[in-house]
């Protein structure tokens, strides 16, 4: 029964993708000048389907969008188990702002009827700008995405198109450099294509609260770390997302150098 459900859902996504791409000529190909949204309140929806690290590295692009649209209501859609929500909320709070609405939707787990209902719900919000950070969720939201005046997102080269990927639904788009471009660069290029200006890159950072600093101080003392050099590492990327990480031998070389130089924990 599950296999039948998955087959029907896949067929539905393919049909929706084809329909969306056939519908594109009836929608504005070029986005209107975005300056009109800078001068009045507008509504922006950010697709936050990304990992924790990706959300952190999204900070330069997020800041550029907030600066370009000071009067915008920025909403977020993410998965119920997504780690990106907490990170994005933290980053936007550092800019003195907060998300207007947050929608938690796990599209892969929804039935066809439930997907249609979610699309209708999002369409009713009448967003001016829809910013898709990844291609993965777009087949589930094609009808909603097409409802936006400005539709930002990446597209995949046709020779890499092995899943339903509605390439043509964005009127502000960049072609992904498959297999050799970090996601930080992808996000940045989409925003630069939209804003028509270069976005200054800076090293992402988090401001720690007093409570967090106190916790770290106590933790360090309890574990005798004050006199030690502590290094945290993370190798979290699946084999299917190899463009996110170095090869293992490069990680090994860096760790060996750090161990030799600092004798870390």
C-alpha atoms as a PDB file:
ATOM      1  CA  UNK A   1       0.000   0.000   0.000  1.00  0.00           C
ATOM      2  CA  UNK A   2       2.843   2.365   0.850  1.00  0.00           C
ATOM      3  CA  UNK A   3       4.528   1.717  -2.506  1.00  0.00           C
ATOM      4  CA  UNK A   4       1.270   2.507  -4.322  1.00  0.00           C
ATOM      5  CA  UNK A   5       0.895   5.727  -2.342  1.00  0.00           C
ATOM      6  CA  UNK A   6       4.489   6.739  -3.131  1.00  0.00           C
ATOM      7  CA  UNK A   7       4.049   5.933  -6.826  1.00  0.00           C
ATOM      8  CA  UNK A   8       0.872   7.997  -7.039  1.00  0.00           C
ATOM      9  CA  UNK A   9       2.512  10.876  -5.232  1.00  0.00           C
ATOM     10  CA  UNK A  10       5.549  10.784  -7.525  1.00  0.00           C
ATOM     11  CA  UNK A  11       3.272  10.755 -10.573  1.00  0.00           C
ATOM     12  CA  UNK A  12       1.378  13.697  -9.088  1.00  0.00           C
ATOM     13  CA  UNK A  13       4.611  15.648  -8.567  1.00  0.00           C
ATOM     14  CA  UNK A  14       5.721  14.978 -12.125  1.00  0.00           C
ATOM     15  CA  UNK A  15       2.334  16.106 -13.428  1.00  0.00           C
ATOM     16  CA  UNK A  16       2.442  19.244 -11.287  1.00  0.00           C
ATOM     17  CA  UNK A  17       5.972  19.980 -12.478  1.00  0.00           C
ATOM     18  CA  UNK A  18       5.035  19.664 -16.140  1.00  0.00           C
ATOM     19  CA  UNK A  19       1.877  21.736 -15.636  1.00  0.00           C
ATOM     20  CA  UNK A  20       3.835  24.433 -13.812  1.00  0.00           C
ATOM     21  CA  UNK A  21       6.427  24.652 -16.571  1.00  0.00           C
ATOM     22  CA  UNK A  22       3.728  24.844 -19.247  1.00  0.00           C
ATOM     23  CA  UNK A  23       2.053  27.614 -17.252  1.00  0.00           C
ATOM     24  CA  UNK A  24       5.177  29.764 -16.979  1.00  0.00           C
ATOM     25  CA  UNK A  25       4.579  31.687 -20.278  1.00  0.00           C
ATOM     26  CA  UNK A  26       1.378  33.056 -18.756  1.00  0.00           C
ATOM     27  CA  UNK A  27       3.286  34.592 -15.856  1.00  0.00           C
ATOM     28  CA  UNK A  28       5.644  37.585 -16.014  1.00  0.00           C
ATOM     29  CA  UNK A  29       9.040  36.397 -17.171  1.00  0.00           C
ATOM     30  CA  UNK A  30      10.918  39.371 -15.806  1.00  0.00           C
ATOM     31  CA  UNK A  31      10.296  40.509 -12.285  1.00  0.00           C
ATOM     32  CA  UNK A  32       9.156  44.109 -11.716  1.00  0.00           C
ATOM     33  CA  UNK A  33      11.602  46.547 -10.246  1.00  0.00           C
ATOM     34  CA  UNK A  34      11.953  45.516  -6.664  1.00  0.00           C
ATOM     35  CA  UNK A  35      12.346  49.140  -5.546  1.00  0.00           C
ATOM     36  CA  UNK A  36       8.573  49.399  -5.228  1.00  0.00           C
ATOM     37  CA  UNK A  37       8.732  46.880  -2.399  1.00  0.00           C
ATOM     38  CA  UNK A  38      11.506  48.806  -0.673  1.00  0.00           C
ATOM     39  CA  UNK A  39       9.279  51.819  -0.275  1.00  0.00           C
ATOM     40  CA  UNK A  40       6.200  50.126   1.149  1.00  0.00           C
ATOM     41  CA  UNK A  41       5.344  47.128   3.326  1.00  0.00           C
ATOM     42  CA  UNK A  42       5.578  43.844   1.460  1.00  0.00           C
ATOM     43  CA  UNK A  43       5.497  40.166   2.296  1.00  0.00           C
ATOM     44  CA  UNK A  44       8.421  37.799   1.769  1.00  0.00           C
ATOM     45  CA  UNK A  45       8.393  34.054   2.357  1.00  0.00           C
ATOM     46  CA  UNK A  46      11.678  32.247   2.898  1.00  0.00           C
ATOM     47  CA  UNK A  47      11.901  28.505   2.295  1.00  0.00           C
ATOM     48  CA  UNK A  48      14.070  27.434   5.216  1.00  0.00           C
ATOM     49  CA  UNK A  49      14.541  23.786   4.274  1.00  0.00           C
ATOM     50  CA  UNK A  50      18.228  23.547   5.042  1.00  0.00           C
ATOM     51  CA  UNK A  51      20.604  22.080   7.562  1.00  0.00           C
ATOM     52  CA  UNK A  52      21.883  23.795  10.683  1.00  0.00           C
ATOM     53  CA  UNK A  53      25.205  24.743   9.127  1.00  0.00           C
ATOM     54  CA  UNK A  54      23.577  25.889   5.894  1.00  0.00           C
ATOM     55  CA  UNK A  55      21.262  28.164   7.856  1.00  0.00           C
ATOM     56  CA  UNK A  56      24.240  29.632   9.695  1.00  0.00           C
ATOM     57  CA  UNK A  57      26.100  30.256   6.426  1.00  0.00           C
ATOM     58  CA  UNK A  58      22.957  31.921   5.043  1.00  0.00           C
ATOM     59  CA  UNK A  59      23.550  34.901   7.359  1.00  0.00           C
ATOM     60  CA  UNK A  60      25.179  37.249   4.789  1.00  0.00           C
ATOM     61  CA  UNK A  61      22.325  36.711   2.329  1.00  0.00           C
ATOM     62  CA  UNK A  62      19.672  37.078   5.029  1.00  0.00           C
ATOM     63  CA  UNK A  63      21.192  40.347   6.195  1.00  0.00           C
ATOM     64  CA  UNK A  64      21.298  41.690   2.629  1.00  0.00           C
ATOM     65  CA  UNK A  65      17.609  40.886   2.120  1.00  0.00           C
ATOM     66  CA  UNK A  66      16.617  42.509   5.413  1.00  0.00           C
ATOM     67  CA  UNK A  67      18.586  45.623   4.538  1.00  0.00           C
ATOM     68  CA  UNK A  68      17.040  45.837   1.062  1.00  0.00           C
ATOM     69  CA  UNK A  69      13.495  45.483   2.402  1.00  0.00           C
ATOM     70  CA  UNK A  70      13.297  47.350   5.713  1.00  0.00           C
ATOM     71  CA  UNK A  71       9.488  47.414   5.744  1.00  0.00           C
ATOM     72  CA  UNK A  72       8.927  43.779   4.789  1.00  0.00           C
ATOM     73  CA  UNK A  73       7.161  41.102   6.780  1.00  0.00           C
ATOM     74  CA  UNK A  74       9.443  38.105   6.490  1.00  0.00           C
ATOM     75  CA  UNK A  75       7.819  34.716   7.047  1.00  0.00           C
ATOM     76  CA  UNK A  76       9.431  31.284   7.176  1.00  0.00           C
ATOM     77  CA  UNK A  77       8.412  27.794   6.140  1.00  0.00           C
ATOM     78  CA  UNK A  78      10.465  24.858   7.428  1.00  0.00           C
ATOM     79  CA  UNK A  79      10.094  21.227   8.416  1.00  0.00           C
ATOM     80  CA  UNK A  80       8.813  20.223  11.846  1.00  0.00           C
ATOM     81  CA  UNK A  81      12.117  18.514  12.633  1.00  0.00           C
ATOM     82  CA  UNK A  82      14.305  21.074  10.899  1.00  0.00           C
ATOM     83  CA  UNK A  83      17.268  22.450  12.816  1.00  0.00           C
ATOM     84  CA  UNK A  84      17.334  25.488  10.558  1.00  0.00           C
ATOM     85  CA  UNK A  85      14.368  27.188  12.198  1.00  0.00           C
ATOM     86  CA  UNK A  86      16.143  27.872  15.488  1.00  0.00           C
ATOM     87  CA  UNK A  87      19.270  29.085  13.687  1.00  0.00           C
ATOM     88  CA  UNK A  88      17.362  31.400  11.320  1.00  0.00           C
ATOM     89  CA  UNK A  89      15.318  32.804  14.212  1.00  0.00           C
ATOM     90  CA  UNK A  90      18.557  33.509  16.061  1.00  0.00           C
ATOM     91  CA  UNK A  91      20.140  35.198  13.055  1.00  0.00           C
ATOM     92  CA  UNK A  92      17.174  37.421  12.324  1.00  0.00           C
ATOM     93  CA  UNK A  93      16.942  38.382  16.014  1.00  0.00           C
ATOM     94  CA  UNK A  94      20.551  39.584  15.827  1.00  0.00           C
ATOM     95  CA  UNK A  95      19.348  42.065  13.209  1.00  0.00           C
ATOM     96  CA  UNK A  96      16.667  43.335  15.569  1.00  0.00           C
ATOM     97  CA  UNK A  97      13.837  41.634  13.686  1.00  0.00           C
ATOM     98  CA  UNK A  98      11.693  38.508  13.898  1.00  0.00           C
ATOM     99  CA  UNK A  99       9.674  36.330  11.546  1.00  0.00           C
ATOM    100  CA  UNK A 100       6.075  37.395  11.177  1.00  0.00           C
ATOM    101  CA  UNK A 101       4.744  33.861  10.693  1.00  0.00           C
ATOM    102  CA  UNK A 102       6.403  30.461  10.778  1.00  0.00           C
ATOM    103  CA  UNK A 103       4.844  27.504   8.987  1.00  0.00           C
ATOM    104  CA  UNK A 104       6.030  23.982   9.752  1.00  0.00           C
ATOM    105  CA  UNK A 105       5.387  21.675   6.809  1.00  0.00           C
ATOM    106  CA  UNK A 106       6.935  18.293   6.016  1.00  0.00           C
ATOM    107  CA  UNK A 107       5.868  17.934   2.372  1.00  0.00           C
ATOM    108  CA  UNK A 108       7.298  14.448   1.861  1.00  0.00           C
ATOM    109  CA  UNK A 109       5.010  13.026   4.549  1.00  0.00           C
ATOM    110  CA  UNK A 110       1.794  14.636   3.277  1.00  0.00           C
ATOM    111  CA  UNK A 111      -0.876  13.085   1.089  1.00  0.00           C
ATOM    112  CA  UNK A 112      -1.772  14.658  -2.234  1.00  0.00           C
ATOM    113  CA  UNK A 113      -4.888  16.246  -0.702  1.00  0.00           C
ATOM    114  CA  UNK A 114      -2.861  17.601   2.192  1.00  0.00           C
ATOM    115  CA  UNK A 115      -0.272  19.049  -0.172  1.00  0.00           C
ATOM    116  CA  UNK A 116      -2.957  20.835  -2.146  1.00  0.00           C
ATOM    117  CA  UNK A 117      -4.418  22.247   1.064  1.00  0.00           C
ATOM    118  CA  UNK A 118      -1.005  23.534   2.182  1.00  0.00           C
ATOM    119  CA  UNK A 119      -0.458  25.191  -1.181  1.00  0.00           C
ATOM    120  CA  UNK A 120      -3.833  26.904  -0.967  1.00  0.00           C
ATOM    121  CA  UNK A 121      -3.119  28.043   2.571  1.00  0.00           C
ATOM    122  CA  UNK A 122       0.197  29.597   1.553  1.00  0.00           C
ATOM    123  CA  UNK A 123      -1.340  31.200  -1.546  1.00  0.00           C
ATOM    124  CA  UNK A 124      -3.927  32.905   0.630  1.00  0.00           C
ATOM    125  CA  UNK A 125      -1.088  34.823   2.326  1.00  0.00           C
ATOM    126  CA  UNK A 126      -0.439  36.647  -0.984  1.00  0.00           C
ATOM    127  CA  UNK A 127       3.323  36.948  -0.885  1.00  0.00           C
ATOM    128  CA  UNK A 128       5.117  39.513  -3.015  1.00  0.00           C
ATOM    129  CA  UNK A 129       8.450  37.696  -2.929  1.00  0.00           C
ATOM    130  CA  UNK A 130       9.066  33.967  -2.523  1.00  0.00           C
ATOM    131  CA  UNK A 131      12.671  32.978  -1.868  1.00  0.00           C
ATOM    132  CA  UNK A 132      13.432  29.294  -2.439  1.00  0.00           C
ATOM    133  CA  UNK A 133      16.843  28.407  -1.082  1.00  0.00           C
ATOM    134  CA  UNK A 134      16.839  24.836  -2.438  1.00  0.00           C
ATOM    135  CA  UNK A 135      15.309  22.914  -5.329  1.00  0.00           C
ATOM    136  CA  UNK A 136      14.279  19.924  -3.207  1.00  0.00           C
ATOM    137  CA  UNK A 137      10.955  21.258  -1.806  1.00  0.00           C
ATOM    138  CA  UNK A 138       9.883  23.158  -4.924  1.00  0.00           C
ATOM    139  CA  UNK A 139       8.008  20.296  -6.675  1.00  0.00           C
ATOM    140  CA  UNK A 140       5.683  20.124  -3.661  1.00  0.00           C
ATOM    141  CA  UNK A 141       4.840  23.838  -3.817  1.00  0.00           C
ATOM    142  CA  UNK A 142       4.694  24.705  -7.533  1.00  0.00           C
ATOM    143  CA  UNK A 143       1.192  26.220  -7.501  1.00  0.00           C
ATOM    144  CA  UNK A 144       2.038  28.329  -4.480  1.00  0.00           C
ATOM    145  CA  UNK A 145       5.398  29.500  -5.855  1.00  0.00           C
ATOM    146  CA  UNK A 146       3.763  30.616  -9.088  1.00  0.00           C
ATOM    147  CA  UNK A 147       1.433  32.845  -7.076  1.00  0.00           C
ATOM    148  CA  UNK A 148       4.327  35.111  -6.054  1.00  0.00           C
ATOM    149  CA  UNK A 149       5.142  38.276  -7.977  1.00  0.00           C
ATOM    150  CA  UNK A 150       8.859  37.682  -7.572  1.00  0.00           C
ATOM    151  CA  UNK A 151       9.974  34.067  -7.443  1.00  0.00           C
ATOM    152  CA  UNK A 152      13.622  33.521  -6.541  1.00  0.00           C
ATOM    153  CA  UNK A 153      15.480  30.252  -6.674  1.00  0.00           C
ATOM    154  CA  UNK A 154      18.090  27.992  -8.271  1.00  0.00           C
ATOM    155  CA  UNK A 155      17.629  25.742 -11.252  1.00  0.00           C
ATOM    156  CA  UNK A 156      19.367  22.511 -12.096  1.00  0.00           C
ATOM    157  CA  UNK A 157      21.037  21.810 -15.471  1.00  0.00           C
ATOM    158  CA  UNK A 158      18.882  19.548 -17.604  1.00  0.00           C
ATOM    159  CA  UNK A 159      21.458  16.772 -17.726  1.00  0.00           C
ATOM    160  CA  UNK A 160      21.219  16.531 -13.901  1.00  0.00           C
ATOM    161  CA  UNK A 161      17.430  16.528 -13.898  1.00  0.00           C
ATOM    162  CA  UNK A 162      16.573  13.096 -12.489  1.00  0.00           C
ATOM    163  CA  UNK A 163      13.753  14.222 -10.138  1.00  0.00           C
ATOM    164  CA  UNK A 164      10.751  16.524 -10.606  1.00  0.00           C
ATOM    165  CA  UNK A 165      12.444  19.916 -10.812  1.00  0.00           C
ATOM    166  CA  UNK A 166      10.288  22.825 -12.053  1.00  0.00           C
ATOM    167  CA  UNK A 167      13.197  24.834 -13.445  1.00  0.00           C
ATOM    168  CA  UNK A 168      11.098  27.444 -15.217  1.00  0.00           C
ATOM    169  CA  UNK A 169       8.914  28.697 -12.373  1.00  0.00           C
ATOM    170  CA  UNK A 170      11.400  31.287 -11.101  1.00  0.00           C
ATOM    171  CA  UNK A 171      11.655  34.728 -12.675  1.00  0.00           C
ATOM    172  CA  UNK A 172      14.835  35.397 -10.715  1.00  0.00           C
ATOM    173  CA  UNK A 173      17.040  32.340 -11.104  1.00  0.00           C
ATOM    174  CA  UNK A 174      20.618  31.117 -11.204  1.00  0.00           C
ATOM    175  CA  UNK A 175      21.873  27.839 -12.654  1.00  0.00           C
ATOM    176  CA  UNK A 176      23.585  25.661 -10.095  1.00  0.00           C
ATOM    177  CA  UNK A 177      27.220  24.773 -10.604  1.00  0.00           C
ATOM    178  CA  UNK A 178      26.736  21.136  -9.815  1.00  0.00           C
ATOM    179  CA  UNK A 179      29.247  19.258  -7.663  1.00  0.00           C
ATOM    180  CA  UNK A 180      31.691  22.116  -7.136  1.00  0.00           C
ATOM    181  CA  UNK A 181      29.858  25.063  -5.596  1.00  0.00           C
ATOM    182  CA  UNK A 182      29.227  25.547  -1.891  1.00  0.00           C
ATOM    183  CA  UNK A 183      25.687  26.351  -0.820  1.00  0.00           C
ATOM    184  CA  UNK A 184      26.840  29.655   0.643  1.00  0.00           C
ATOM    185  CA  UNK A 185      27.745  30.761  -2.860  1.00  0.00           C
ATOM    186  CA  UNK A 186      24.451  29.482  -4.270  1.00  0.00           C
ATOM    187  CA  UNK A 187      22.378  31.504  -1.820  1.00  0.00           C
ATOM    188  CA  UNK A 188      24.505  34.583  -2.402  1.00  0.00           C
ATOM    189  CA  UNK A 189      24.211  34.373  -6.199  1.00  0.00           C
ATOM    190  CA  UNK A 190      20.416  34.114  -6.078  1.00  0.00           C
ATOM    191  CA  UNK A 191      20.158  37.250  -3.943  1.00  0.00           C
ATOM    192  CA  UNK A 192      22.689  39.116  -6.091  1.00  0.00           C
ATOM    193  CA  UNK A 193      20.743  38.216  -9.225  1.00  0.00           C
ATOM    194  CA  UNK A 194      17.633  39.673  -7.611  1.00  0.00           C
ATOM    195  CA  UNK A 195      19.150  42.784  -6.027  1.00  0.00           C
ATOM    196  CA  UNK A 196      21.449  43.392  -9.016  1.00  0.00           C
ATOM    197  CA  UNK A 197      24.312  44.256  -6.705  1.00  0.00           C
ATOM    198  CA  UNK A 198      27.177  42.467  -5.049  1.00  0.00           C
ATOM    199  CA  UNK A 199      26.541  41.232  -1.514  1.00  0.00           C
ATOM    200  CA  UNK A 200      29.522  41.737   0.789  1.00  0.00           C
ATOM    201  CA  UNK A 201      30.541  38.475   2.374  1.00  0.00           C
ATOM    202  CA  UNK A 202      31.529  38.275   6.011  1.00  0.00           C
ATOM    203  CA  UNK A 203      32.270  35.436   8.361  1.00  0.00           C
ATOM    204  CA  UNK A 204      28.950  34.368   9.925  1.00  0.00           C
ATOM    205  CA  UNK A 205      28.767  34.774  13.670  1.00  0.00           C
ATOM    206  CA  UNK A 206      26.448  34.271  16.645  1.00  0.00           C
ATOM    207  CA  UNK A 207      26.056  36.664  19.547  1.00  0.00           C
ATOM    208  CA  UNK A 208      26.015  34.696  22.790  1.00  0.00           C
ATOM    209  CA  UNK A 209      23.639  35.719  25.547  1.00  0.00           C
ATOM    210  CA  UNK A 210      24.859  36.249  29.110  1.00  0.00           C
ATOM    211  CA  UNK A 211      23.200  32.975  30.141  1.00  0.00           C
ATOM    212  CA  UNK A 212      25.040  31.102  27.387  1.00  0.00           C
ATOM    213  CA  UNK A 213      28.367  32.640  28.357  1.00  0.00           C
ATOM    214  CA  UNK A 214      27.779  31.693  31.981  1.00  0.00           C
ATOM    215  CA  UNK A 215      26.938  28.123  30.993  1.00  0.00           C
ATOM    216  CA  UNK A 216      30.127  27.866  28.954  1.00  0.00           C
ATOM    217  CA  UNK A 217      32.191  29.289  31.799  1.00  0.00           C
ATOM    218  CA  UNK A 218      30.808  26.764  34.299  1.00  0.00           C
ATOM    219  CA  UNK A 219      31.176  23.885  31.815  1.00  0.00           C
ATOM    220  CA  UNK A 220      34.805  24.810  31.119  1.00  0.00           C
ATOM    221  CA  UNK A 221      35.669  24.882  34.816  1.00  0.00           C
ATOM    222  CA  UNK A 222      33.820  21.652  35.628  1.00  0.00           C
ATOM    223  CA  UNK A 223      35.739  19.773  32.953  1.00  0.00           C
ATOM    224  CA  UNK A 224      39.122  21.387  33.518  1.00  0.00           C
ATOM    225  CA  UNK A 225      39.289  23.004  30.098  1.00  0.00           C
ATOM    226  CA  UNK A 226      40.595  26.445  31.071  1.00  0.00           C
ATOM    227  CA  UNK A 227      44.194  25.581  30.274  1.00  0.00           C
ATOM    228  CA  UNK A 228      43.385  23.510  27.175  1.00  0.00           C
ATOM    229  CA  UNK A 229      42.881  24.425  23.541  1.00  0.00           C
ATOM    230  CA  UNK A 230      39.460  23.093  22.507  1.00  0.00           C
ATOM    231  CA  UNK A 231      38.508  22.537  18.876  1.00  0.00           C
ATOM    232  CA  UNK A 232      35.063  21.478  17.700  1.00  0.00           C
ATOM    233  CA  UNK A 233      34.693  19.635  14.395  1.00  0.00           C
ATOM    234  CA  UNK A 234      31.721  18.533  12.334  1.00  0.00           C
ATOM    235  CA  UNK A 235      31.726  16.325   9.247  1.00  0.00           C
ATOM    236  CA  UNK A 236      27.951  16.214   8.775  1.00  0.00           C
ATOM    237  CA  UNK A 237      27.146  15.828   5.123  1.00  0.00           C
ATOM    238  CA  UNK A 238      25.659  12.800   3.427  1.00  0.00           C
ATOM    239  CA  UNK A 239      27.345  11.056   0.511  1.00  0.00           C
ATOM    240  CA  UNK A 240      24.535  12.389  -1.691  1.00  0.00           C
ATOM    241  CA  UNK A 241      25.573  15.932  -0.786  1.00  0.00           C
ATOM    242  CA  UNK A 242      29.281  15.638  -1.366  1.00  0.00           C
ATOM    243  CA  UNK A 243      29.567  19.223  -2.585  1.00  0.00           C
ATOM    244  CA  UNK A 244      29.079  20.341   1.023  1.00  0.00           C
ATOM    245  CA  UNK A 245      32.240  18.796   2.375  1.00  0.00           C
ATOM    246  CA  UNK A 246      35.878  18.153   1.718  1.00  0.00           C
ATOM    247  CA  UNK A 247      37.205  14.719   1.017  1.00  0.00           C
ATOM    248  CA  UNK A 248      38.001  12.733   4.150  1.00  0.00           C
ATOM    249  CA  UNK A 249      41.743  12.898   3.564  1.00  0.00           C
ATOM    250  CA  UNK A 250      41.614  16.708   3.645  1.00  0.00           C
ATOM    251  CA  UNK A 251      39.792  16.676   6.966  1.00  0.00           C
ATOM    252  CA  UNK A 252      42.364  14.216   8.284  1.00  0.00           C
ATOM    253  CA  UNK A 253      45.242  16.468   7.221  1.00  0.00           C
ATOM    254  CA  UNK A 254      43.734  19.519   8.947  1.00  0.00           C
ATOM    255  CA  UNK A 255      43.084  17.606  12.176  1.00  0.00           C
ATOM    256  CA  UNK A 256      46.614  16.204  12.234  1.00  0.00           C
ATOM    257  CA  UNK A 257      48.045  19.687  11.778  1.00  0.00           C
ATOM    258  CA  UNK A 258      45.848  21.069  14.589  1.00  0.00           C
ATOM    259  CA  UNK A 259      46.859  18.234  16.878  1.00  0.00           C
ATOM    260  CA  UNK A 260      50.532  18.816  16.184  1.00  0.00           C
ATOM    261  CA  UNK A 261      50.282  22.601  16.673  1.00  0.00           C
ATOM    262  CA  UNK A 262      47.972  22.889  19.673  1.00  0.00           C
ATOM    263  CA  UNK A 263      47.585  19.511  21.389  1.00  0.00           C
ATOM    264  CA  UNK A 264      43.824  20.162  21.537  1.00  0.00           C
ATOM    265  CA  UNK A 265      40.994  18.211  23.141  1.00  0.00           C
END
